[in-house]
N, C-alpha and C. Protein backbone atom coordinates (compact mmCIF):
# COMPACT_ATOMS: atom_id res chain seq x y z
N MET A 1 80.93 12.13 -69.70
CA MET A 1 80.49 13.46 -70.02
C MET A 1 81.69 14.41 -69.95
N SER A 2 81.94 15.16 -71.01
CA SER A 2 83.08 16.07 -71.04
C SER A 2 82.68 17.45 -70.50
N ARG A 3 83.66 18.10 -69.94
CA ARG A 3 83.43 19.43 -69.37
C ARG A 3 83.83 20.48 -70.40
N LEU A 4 82.88 21.33 -70.76
CA LEU A 4 83.16 22.38 -71.73
C LEU A 4 83.85 23.53 -71.02
N ASP A 5 84.91 24.06 -71.61
CA ASP A 5 85.65 25.16 -71.01
C ASP A 5 86.11 26.10 -72.12
N TYR A 6 86.65 27.25 -71.73
CA TYR A 6 87.17 28.21 -72.70
C TYR A 6 88.37 27.61 -73.42
N PRO A 7 88.66 28.13 -74.61
CA PRO A 7 89.90 27.72 -75.29
C PRO A 7 91.10 28.04 -74.41
N GLU A 8 92.19 27.36 -74.65
CA GLU A 8 93.39 27.48 -73.82
C GLU A 8 93.88 28.92 -73.70
N ALA A 9 93.83 29.68 -74.79
CA ALA A 9 94.31 31.07 -74.77
C ALA A 9 93.46 31.94 -73.83
N VAL A 10 92.16 31.72 -73.82
CA VAL A 10 91.27 32.48 -72.94
C VAL A 10 91.54 32.07 -71.49
N GLY A 11 91.72 30.80 -71.26
CA GLY A 11 92.05 30.32 -69.91
C GLY A 11 93.34 30.92 -69.40
N ALA A 12 94.33 31.04 -70.28
CA ALA A 12 95.61 31.65 -69.88
C ALA A 12 95.41 33.12 -69.52
N LEU A 13 94.59 33.84 -70.29
CA LEU A 13 94.29 35.24 -69.99
C LEU A 13 93.58 35.36 -68.65
N ILE A 14 92.62 34.52 -68.40
CA ILE A 14 91.89 34.53 -67.12
C ILE A 14 92.86 34.28 -65.97
N ASN A 15 93.75 33.32 -66.14
CA ASN A 15 94.73 33.01 -65.08
C ASN A 15 95.65 34.20 -64.79
N GLU A 16 96.06 34.91 -65.83
CA GLU A 16 96.91 36.09 -65.63
C GLU A 16 96.14 37.20 -64.92
N LEU A 17 94.89 37.41 -65.31
CA LEU A 17 94.07 38.45 -64.69
C LEU A 17 93.80 38.13 -63.22
N LYS A 18 93.65 36.87 -62.88
CA LYS A 18 93.41 36.47 -61.48
C LYS A 18 94.60 36.81 -60.58
N ARG A 19 95.77 36.95 -61.16
CA ARG A 19 96.96 37.29 -60.38
C ARG A 19 96.95 38.74 -59.91
N LEU A 20 96.13 39.57 -60.56
CA LEU A 20 96.06 40.98 -60.18
C LEU A 20 95.38 41.12 -58.81
N PRO A 21 95.84 42.09 -58.00
CA PRO A 21 95.22 42.27 -56.68
C PRO A 21 93.76 42.70 -56.82
N GLY A 22 92.90 42.07 -56.06
CA GLY A 22 91.48 42.42 -56.05
C GLY A 22 90.67 41.81 -57.17
N VAL A 23 91.29 41.00 -58.02
CA VAL A 23 90.58 40.37 -59.13
C VAL A 23 90.45 38.88 -58.84
N GLY A 24 89.23 38.46 -58.58
CA GLY A 24 88.96 37.06 -58.32
C GLY A 24 88.66 36.31 -59.60
N PRO A 25 88.36 35.02 -59.50
CA PRO A 25 88.11 34.20 -60.69
C PRO A 25 86.96 34.70 -61.56
N ARG A 26 85.84 35.09 -60.95
CA ARG A 26 84.69 35.56 -61.74
C ARG A 26 85.00 36.89 -62.42
N SER A 27 85.64 37.80 -61.69
CA SER A 27 85.99 39.10 -62.29
C SER A 27 86.99 38.91 -63.42
N ALA A 28 87.95 38.04 -63.23
CA ALA A 28 88.95 37.77 -64.27
C ALA A 28 88.27 37.22 -65.52
N GLU A 29 87.32 36.35 -65.32
CA GLU A 29 86.59 35.77 -66.45
C GLU A 29 85.80 36.85 -67.19
N ARG A 30 85.09 37.72 -66.44
CA ARG A 30 84.31 38.79 -67.07
C ARG A 30 85.21 39.75 -67.84
N ILE A 31 86.34 40.12 -67.26
CA ILE A 31 87.27 41.04 -67.93
C ILE A 31 87.81 40.39 -69.21
N ALA A 32 88.23 39.14 -69.12
CA ALA A 32 88.79 38.45 -70.29
C ALA A 32 87.77 38.36 -71.42
N VAL A 33 86.56 37.96 -71.10
CA VAL A 33 85.52 37.83 -72.13
C VAL A 33 85.19 39.20 -72.73
N TRP A 34 85.12 40.22 -71.88
CA TRP A 34 84.83 41.57 -72.39
C TRP A 34 85.95 42.02 -73.34
N MET A 35 87.20 41.77 -72.96
CA MET A 35 88.32 42.20 -73.80
C MET A 35 88.31 41.50 -75.16
N ILE A 36 87.82 40.28 -75.18
CA ILE A 36 87.78 39.52 -76.43
C ILE A 36 86.60 39.95 -77.30
N GLN A 37 85.47 40.24 -76.69
CA GLN A 37 84.23 40.48 -77.43
C GLN A 37 84.02 41.93 -77.88
N HIS A 38 84.48 42.89 -77.14
CA HIS A 38 84.13 44.28 -77.43
C HIS A 38 85.23 45.01 -78.20
N GLN A 39 84.81 45.76 -79.22
CA GLN A 39 85.75 46.49 -80.05
C GLN A 39 86.45 47.59 -79.27
N LYS A 40 85.78 48.17 -78.28
CA LYS A 40 86.36 49.27 -77.51
C LYS A 40 87.44 48.78 -76.54
N ALA A 41 87.56 47.49 -76.37
CA ALA A 41 88.53 46.95 -75.40
C ALA A 41 89.97 47.31 -75.77
N ASN A 42 90.32 47.22 -77.01
CA ASN A 42 91.65 47.57 -77.52
C ASN A 42 92.78 46.92 -76.70
N PRO A 43 92.84 45.60 -76.69
CA PRO A 43 93.87 44.91 -75.89
C PRO A 43 95.30 45.23 -76.31
N GLY A 44 95.49 45.60 -77.58
CA GLY A 44 96.84 45.97 -78.04
C GLY A 44 97.33 47.22 -77.32
N GLU A 45 96.45 48.20 -77.14
CA GLU A 45 96.82 49.43 -76.44
C GLU A 45 97.06 49.15 -74.95
N LEU A 46 96.26 48.25 -74.39
CA LEU A 46 96.45 47.86 -72.99
C LEU A 46 97.82 47.21 -72.82
N SER A 47 98.14 46.31 -73.71
CA SER A 47 99.44 45.63 -73.67
C SER A 47 100.58 46.63 -73.84
N LYS A 48 100.42 47.56 -74.77
CA LYS A 48 101.44 48.57 -75.01
C LYS A 48 101.62 49.47 -73.77
N ALA A 49 100.52 49.88 -73.15
CA ALA A 49 100.59 50.73 -71.95
C ALA A 49 101.27 49.98 -70.80
N LEU A 50 100.98 48.71 -70.66
CA LEU A 50 101.62 47.90 -69.62
C LEU A 50 103.12 47.80 -69.87
N ASP A 51 103.49 47.49 -71.09
CA ASP A 51 104.91 47.37 -71.44
C ASP A 51 105.64 48.70 -71.24
N THR A 52 105.04 49.78 -71.70
CA THR A 52 105.67 51.10 -71.61
C THR A 52 105.85 51.51 -70.15
N SER A 53 104.81 51.36 -69.34
CA SER A 53 104.93 51.76 -67.94
C SER A 53 105.92 50.87 -67.20
N ARG A 54 105.94 49.62 -67.51
CA ARG A 54 106.90 48.69 -66.88
C ARG A 54 108.33 49.08 -67.25
N GLU A 55 108.52 49.55 -68.48
CA GLU A 55 109.85 49.92 -68.97
C GLU A 55 110.29 51.29 -68.45
N LEU A 56 109.38 52.26 -68.39
CA LEU A 56 109.75 53.64 -68.11
C LEU A 56 109.58 54.09 -66.66
N VAL A 57 108.73 53.41 -65.90
CA VAL A 57 108.43 53.86 -64.54
C VAL A 57 109.20 53.00 -63.54
N SER A 58 109.85 53.69 -62.61
CA SER A 58 110.56 53.01 -61.53
C SER A 58 110.24 53.75 -60.24
N LEU A 59 110.87 53.35 -59.17
CA LEU A 59 110.66 54.04 -57.90
C LEU A 59 111.71 55.13 -57.75
N CYS A 60 111.28 56.27 -57.23
CA CYS A 60 112.17 57.40 -56.99
C CYS A 60 113.30 56.95 -56.08
N LYS A 61 114.50 57.29 -56.43
CA LYS A 61 115.67 56.88 -55.64
C LYS A 61 115.71 57.53 -54.27
N LYS A 62 115.00 58.64 -54.12
CA LYS A 62 115.02 59.36 -52.85
C LYS A 62 113.86 58.94 -51.93
N CYS A 63 112.63 58.97 -52.44
CA CYS A 63 111.48 58.75 -51.56
C CYS A 63 110.76 57.43 -51.79
N GLY A 64 110.92 56.82 -52.95
CA GLY A 64 110.25 55.55 -53.22
C GLY A 64 108.92 55.69 -53.94
N PHE A 65 108.52 56.93 -54.32
CA PHE A 65 107.30 57.13 -55.09
C PHE A 65 107.61 56.81 -56.56
N PHE A 66 106.59 56.76 -57.40
CA PHE A 66 106.77 56.44 -58.80
C PHE A 66 107.45 57.59 -59.54
N SER A 67 108.36 57.22 -60.44
CA SER A 67 109.11 58.22 -61.19
C SER A 67 109.45 57.68 -62.57
N SER A 68 109.67 58.59 -63.49
CA SER A 68 110.13 58.16 -64.81
C SER A 68 111.50 58.77 -65.14
N GLN A 69 112.12 59.43 -64.14
CA GLN A 69 113.42 60.04 -64.41
C GLN A 69 114.36 59.99 -63.21
N GLY A 70 114.33 58.98 -62.42
CA GLY A 70 115.24 58.86 -61.28
C GLY A 70 114.67 59.42 -60.00
N HIS A 71 114.31 60.72 -60.02
CA HIS A 71 113.66 61.35 -58.88
C HIS A 71 112.27 61.80 -59.31
N CYS A 72 111.31 61.71 -58.40
CA CYS A 72 109.93 62.08 -58.74
C CYS A 72 109.75 63.60 -58.69
N ASP A 73 108.62 64.06 -59.22
CA ASP A 73 108.32 65.49 -59.24
C ASP A 73 108.21 66.06 -57.83
N LEU A 74 107.71 65.26 -56.87
CA LEU A 74 107.57 65.75 -55.50
C LEU A 74 108.93 66.04 -54.88
N CYS A 75 109.89 65.15 -55.08
CA CYS A 75 111.24 65.36 -54.53
C CYS A 75 111.96 66.51 -55.20
N GLU A 76 111.61 66.81 -56.44
CA GLU A 76 112.25 67.89 -57.18
C GLU A 76 111.62 69.25 -56.89
N ASP A 77 110.51 69.27 -56.14
CA ASP A 77 109.78 70.50 -55.86
C ASP A 77 110.41 71.22 -54.66
N ASP A 78 111.18 72.27 -54.91
CA ASP A 78 111.86 73.02 -53.86
C ASP A 78 110.93 73.85 -53.00
N SER A 79 109.67 74.01 -53.42
CA SER A 79 108.74 74.82 -52.63
C SER A 79 108.12 74.03 -51.47
N ARG A 80 108.41 72.75 -51.39
CA ARG A 80 107.85 71.92 -50.31
C ARG A 80 108.64 72.18 -49.02
N ASP A 81 108.00 71.88 -47.89
CA ASP A 81 108.59 72.10 -46.57
C ASP A 81 109.57 70.97 -46.24
N ALA A 82 110.85 71.28 -46.26
CA ALA A 82 111.89 70.27 -46.05
C ALA A 82 112.00 69.83 -44.60
N SER A 83 111.32 70.51 -43.69
CA SER A 83 111.41 70.14 -42.27
C SER A 83 110.42 69.04 -41.89
N ILE A 84 109.52 68.67 -42.82
CA ILE A 84 108.51 67.66 -42.52
C ILE A 84 108.62 66.51 -43.52
N LEU A 85 108.64 65.31 -42.97
CA LEU A 85 108.75 64.10 -43.78
C LEU A 85 107.61 63.16 -43.37
N CYS A 86 106.79 62.77 -44.31
CA CYS A 86 105.67 61.88 -44.05
C CYS A 86 106.04 60.47 -44.52
N VAL A 87 106.04 59.52 -43.60
CA VAL A 87 106.42 58.14 -43.90
C VAL A 87 105.16 57.32 -44.16
N VAL A 88 105.10 56.69 -45.33
CA VAL A 88 103.98 55.84 -45.71
C VAL A 88 104.48 54.43 -46.03
N GLU A 89 103.56 53.49 -46.11
CA GLU A 89 103.94 52.11 -46.39
C GLU A 89 104.28 51.89 -47.86
N HIS A 90 103.41 52.36 -48.75
CA HIS A 90 103.55 52.07 -50.18
C HIS A 90 103.47 53.35 -51.01
N PRO A 91 104.03 53.34 -52.21
CA PRO A 91 103.92 54.51 -53.09
C PRO A 91 102.47 54.94 -53.34
N THR A 92 101.57 53.98 -53.39
CA THR A 92 100.16 54.31 -53.64
C THR A 92 99.53 55.08 -52.47
N ASP A 93 100.17 55.10 -51.32
CA ASP A 93 99.65 55.84 -50.17
C ASP A 93 99.92 57.34 -50.30
N VAL A 94 100.82 57.72 -51.18
CA VAL A 94 101.18 59.14 -51.34
C VAL A 94 100.04 59.92 -51.99
N LEU A 95 99.44 59.37 -53.04
CA LEU A 95 98.44 60.12 -53.80
C LEU A 95 97.25 60.60 -52.98
N PRO A 96 96.62 59.78 -52.14
CA PRO A 96 95.50 60.31 -51.35
C PRO A 96 95.91 61.47 -50.44
N LEU A 97 97.09 61.37 -49.85
CA LEU A 97 97.57 62.45 -48.99
C LEU A 97 97.85 63.70 -49.81
N GLU A 98 98.48 63.52 -50.95
CA GLU A 98 98.82 64.65 -51.80
C GLU A 98 97.57 65.31 -52.37
N ARG A 99 96.61 64.51 -52.76
CA ARG A 99 95.37 65.05 -53.34
C ARG A 99 94.53 65.80 -52.31
N SER A 100 94.72 65.50 -51.04
CA SER A 100 93.97 66.21 -50.00
C SER A 100 94.41 67.66 -49.91
N GLY A 101 95.63 67.95 -50.34
CA GLY A 101 96.15 69.30 -50.29
C GLY A 101 96.56 69.76 -48.89
N ALA A 102 96.51 68.86 -47.93
CA ALA A 102 96.77 69.23 -46.53
C ALA A 102 98.23 69.07 -46.13
N PHE A 103 99.04 68.45 -46.98
CA PHE A 103 100.43 68.21 -46.62
C PHE A 103 101.35 68.85 -47.64
N GLY A 104 102.34 69.59 -47.16
CA GLY A 104 103.25 70.29 -48.06
C GLY A 104 104.70 69.91 -47.90
N GLY A 105 104.96 68.83 -47.15
CA GLY A 105 106.34 68.39 -46.96
C GLY A 105 106.72 67.34 -47.99
N TYR A 106 107.69 66.54 -47.63
CA TYR A 106 108.16 65.46 -48.50
C TYR A 106 107.67 64.11 -47.97
N TYR A 107 107.78 63.09 -48.80
CA TYR A 107 107.31 61.75 -48.46
C TYR A 107 108.47 60.77 -48.43
N HIS A 108 108.22 59.66 -47.74
CA HIS A 108 109.16 58.55 -47.76
C HIS A 108 108.35 57.25 -47.73
N CYS A 109 108.52 56.41 -48.74
CA CYS A 109 107.80 55.13 -48.85
C CYS A 109 108.68 54.00 -48.32
N LEU A 110 108.16 53.27 -47.36
CA LEU A 110 108.92 52.17 -46.78
C LEU A 110 108.96 50.94 -47.68
N GLY A 111 107.95 50.77 -48.51
CA GLY A 111 107.88 49.58 -49.35
C GLY A 111 107.20 48.43 -48.65
N GLY A 112 106.43 48.71 -47.62
CA GLY A 112 105.71 47.68 -46.89
C GLY A 112 105.67 47.98 -45.41
N LYS A 113 105.40 46.95 -44.62
CA LYS A 113 105.35 47.08 -43.17
C LYS A 113 105.88 45.79 -42.56
N LEU A 114 106.31 45.87 -41.32
CA LEU A 114 106.83 44.68 -40.65
C LEU A 114 105.75 43.62 -40.55
N SER A 115 106.09 42.41 -40.92
CA SER A 115 105.12 41.33 -40.89
C SER A 115 105.85 39.99 -40.76
N PRO A 116 106.00 39.50 -39.53
CA PRO A 116 106.69 38.23 -39.34
C PRO A 116 106.04 37.07 -40.11
N LEU A 117 104.71 37.10 -40.24
CA LEU A 117 104.03 36.02 -40.96
C LEU A 117 104.37 36.02 -42.45
N ASP A 118 104.67 37.20 -43.00
CA ASP A 118 105.05 37.31 -44.41
C ASP A 118 106.57 37.39 -44.58
N ASN A 119 107.30 37.15 -43.49
CA ASN A 119 108.77 37.23 -43.48
C ASN A 119 109.29 38.61 -43.91
N THR A 120 108.59 39.66 -43.51
CA THR A 120 109.03 41.03 -43.80
C THR A 120 109.68 41.59 -42.54
N SER A 121 110.98 41.78 -42.60
CA SER A 121 111.75 42.29 -41.46
C SER A 121 112.17 43.72 -41.75
N PRO A 122 112.76 44.42 -40.77
CA PRO A 122 113.24 45.79 -41.01
C PRO A 122 114.21 45.88 -42.18
N ASP A 123 114.99 44.84 -42.42
CA ASP A 123 115.94 44.85 -43.53
C ASP A 123 115.25 44.86 -44.89
N ASP A 124 113.99 44.42 -44.93
CA ASP A 124 113.24 44.38 -46.18
C ASP A 124 112.60 45.72 -46.52
N LEU A 125 112.59 46.64 -45.56
CA LEU A 125 111.95 47.94 -45.75
C LEU A 125 112.99 49.01 -46.05
N ASN A 126 112.54 50.13 -46.56
CA ASN A 126 113.42 51.23 -46.96
C ASN A 126 113.72 52.13 -45.76
N ILE A 127 114.17 51.53 -44.66
CA ILE A 127 114.42 52.26 -43.43
C ILE A 127 115.80 52.91 -43.45
N SER A 128 116.79 52.27 -44.01
CA SER A 128 118.13 52.86 -44.03
C SER A 128 118.14 54.17 -44.81
N GLU A 129 117.41 54.24 -45.91
CA GLU A 129 117.33 55.49 -46.68
C GLU A 129 116.58 56.56 -45.88
N LEU A 130 115.57 56.16 -45.13
CA LEU A 130 114.85 57.10 -44.25
C LEU A 130 115.81 57.72 -43.24
N LEU A 131 116.61 56.88 -42.59
CA LEU A 131 117.58 57.37 -41.61
C LEU A 131 118.64 58.26 -42.26
N ARG A 132 119.05 57.92 -43.45
CA ARG A 132 120.02 58.75 -44.18
C ARG A 132 119.42 60.11 -44.49
N ARG A 133 118.16 60.13 -44.93
CA ARG A 133 117.50 61.40 -45.25
C ARG A 133 117.39 62.29 -44.01
N ILE A 134 117.06 61.68 -42.88
CA ILE A 134 116.93 62.45 -41.64
C ILE A 134 118.30 62.98 -41.21
N ALA A 135 119.31 62.15 -41.31
CA ALA A 135 120.66 62.55 -40.88
C ALA A 135 121.23 63.67 -41.75
N THR A 136 120.88 63.70 -43.02
CA THR A 136 121.45 64.71 -43.92
C THR A 136 120.55 65.93 -44.08
N ASN A 137 119.40 65.94 -43.43
CA ASN A 137 118.50 67.09 -43.51
C ASN A 137 119.11 68.25 -42.73
N THR A 138 119.17 69.41 -43.35
CA THR A 138 119.81 70.56 -42.72
C THR A 138 118.83 71.43 -41.93
N GLU A 139 117.56 71.08 -41.92
CA GLU A 139 116.57 71.85 -41.17
C GLU A 139 116.85 71.72 -39.67
N GLU A 140 116.67 72.82 -38.93
CA GLU A 140 116.94 72.78 -37.49
C GLU A 140 115.94 71.88 -36.76
N GLU A 141 114.66 72.05 -37.08
CA GLU A 141 113.64 71.22 -36.45
C GLU A 141 113.01 70.34 -37.52
N GLN A 142 113.13 69.04 -37.32
CA GLN A 142 112.56 68.10 -38.26
C GLN A 142 111.38 67.39 -37.61
N GLU A 143 110.36 67.12 -38.42
CA GLU A 143 109.23 66.34 -37.94
C GLU A 143 109.03 65.18 -38.90
N VAL A 144 108.90 64.00 -38.34
CA VAL A 144 108.59 62.81 -39.11
C VAL A 144 107.17 62.40 -38.75
N ILE A 145 106.29 62.40 -39.74
CA ILE A 145 104.90 62.01 -39.52
C ILE A 145 104.74 60.58 -40.01
N LEU A 146 104.32 59.70 -39.14
CA LEU A 146 104.09 58.31 -39.51
C LEU A 146 102.64 58.15 -39.96
N ALA A 147 102.46 57.87 -41.24
CA ALA A 147 101.13 57.69 -41.83
C ALA A 147 101.00 56.22 -42.24
N LEU A 148 101.04 55.36 -41.23
CA LEU A 148 100.99 53.92 -41.47
C LEU A 148 99.62 53.38 -41.09
N SER A 149 99.28 52.21 -41.60
CA SER A 149 97.97 51.63 -41.32
C SER A 149 97.83 51.32 -39.84
N SER A 150 96.59 51.20 -39.41
CA SER A 150 96.32 50.97 -37.99
C SER A 150 96.18 49.49 -37.65
N ASP A 151 96.52 48.61 -38.58
CA ASP A 151 96.46 47.18 -38.27
C ASP A 151 97.68 46.79 -37.44
N VAL A 152 97.75 45.54 -37.04
CA VAL A 152 98.81 45.07 -36.15
C VAL A 152 100.19 45.32 -36.75
N GLU A 153 100.35 45.01 -38.04
CA GLU A 153 101.65 45.19 -38.69
C GLU A 153 102.02 46.66 -38.79
N GLY A 154 101.04 47.52 -39.10
CA GLY A 154 101.29 48.95 -39.18
C GLY A 154 101.69 49.53 -37.84
N GLU A 155 101.03 49.08 -36.78
CA GLU A 155 101.37 49.54 -35.43
C GLU A 155 102.77 49.06 -35.03
N ALA A 156 103.09 47.82 -35.37
CA ALA A 156 104.41 47.29 -35.05
C ALA A 156 105.49 48.08 -35.80
N THR A 157 105.22 48.41 -37.04
CA THR A 157 106.18 49.19 -37.84
C THR A 157 106.34 50.58 -37.24
N ALA A 158 105.23 51.20 -36.86
CA ALA A 158 105.29 52.54 -36.26
C ALA A 158 106.09 52.51 -34.95
N ASN A 159 105.82 51.53 -34.11
CA ASN A 159 106.55 51.42 -32.84
C ASN A 159 108.04 51.21 -33.07
N TYR A 160 108.38 50.39 -34.05
CA TYR A 160 109.79 50.15 -34.38
C TYR A 160 110.45 51.45 -34.83
N LEU A 161 109.76 52.20 -35.70
CA LEU A 161 110.32 53.45 -36.20
C LEU A 161 110.46 54.49 -35.09
N VAL A 162 109.50 54.54 -34.17
CA VAL A 162 109.59 55.48 -33.05
C VAL A 162 110.85 55.19 -32.23
N GLU A 163 111.12 53.92 -31.97
CA GLU A 163 112.32 53.54 -31.23
C GLU A 163 113.59 53.96 -31.96
N ILE A 164 113.64 53.70 -33.26
CA ILE A 164 114.83 54.02 -34.05
C ILE A 164 115.00 55.53 -34.18
N LEU A 165 113.90 56.24 -34.40
CA LEU A 165 113.97 57.69 -34.61
C LEU A 165 114.25 58.45 -33.32
N ALA A 166 114.09 57.81 -32.17
CA ALA A 166 114.38 58.45 -30.89
C ALA A 166 115.86 58.82 -30.80
N GLN A 167 116.70 58.12 -31.54
CA GLN A 167 118.15 58.38 -31.54
C GLN A 167 118.52 59.60 -32.39
N HIS A 168 117.56 60.13 -33.15
CA HIS A 168 117.82 61.27 -34.02
C HIS A 168 117.13 62.51 -33.46
N GLN A 169 117.58 63.64 -33.85
CA GLN A 169 117.01 64.91 -33.38
C GLN A 169 115.79 65.27 -34.23
N CYS A 170 114.69 64.55 -34.03
CA CYS A 170 113.48 64.87 -34.78
C CYS A 170 112.25 64.56 -33.94
N LYS A 171 111.21 65.29 -34.23
CA LYS A 171 109.91 65.09 -33.58
C LYS A 171 109.17 64.02 -34.39
N VAL A 172 108.59 63.04 -33.71
CA VAL A 172 107.86 61.98 -34.39
C VAL A 172 106.39 62.06 -33.99
N THR A 173 105.52 62.14 -35.00
CA THR A 173 104.08 62.19 -34.74
C THR A 173 103.38 61.16 -35.62
N ARG A 174 102.12 60.90 -35.32
CA ARG A 174 101.31 59.98 -36.11
C ARG A 174 100.11 60.74 -36.66
N ILE A 175 99.60 60.32 -37.81
CA ILE A 175 98.39 60.95 -38.32
C ILE A 175 97.21 60.45 -37.50
N ALA A 176 96.17 61.25 -37.41
CA ALA A 176 94.97 60.86 -36.69
C ALA A 176 94.25 59.76 -37.46
N GLN A 177 93.70 58.82 -36.71
CA GLN A 177 92.95 57.72 -37.34
C GLN A 177 91.65 57.53 -36.56
N GLY A 178 90.65 57.12 -37.28
CA GLY A 178 89.40 56.91 -36.56
C GLY A 178 88.29 56.54 -37.46
């Protein structure tokens, strides 16, 4: 008895979609079939948008947020409070904070968190640029707000940063969690 399956091209699409974060085998299959069957899917535009964003978007050289011109709009905004720096794990962590409207300083994206199980060490994170930014900041009183996750790796990263930042003239605080 033979096993009926999708044509090879559909299987390849499903396999690529499964690689996306949060997309499991069933979701990948549903997305692939929908893209093939529905006129509104417009896979050519999806492909073009993926290629264009991959080509034009990079990480800001200063903070690590998404940018299409070297430095992001947030880093170029002189009206922000230069005495406050909010440290986050990933560029995607900036948007919820920014959309809340509660923070008016600058951001710094580490690019992850310490994780011995994933072989992520301090050298793998954007810590040297963070220290450079703090050292070159001309504000008299600086505050570094650690907005890291509350899991074991996030706590370890926060503790590591607190130790390192103790050598600099800055106040270190954590965002409230609960």
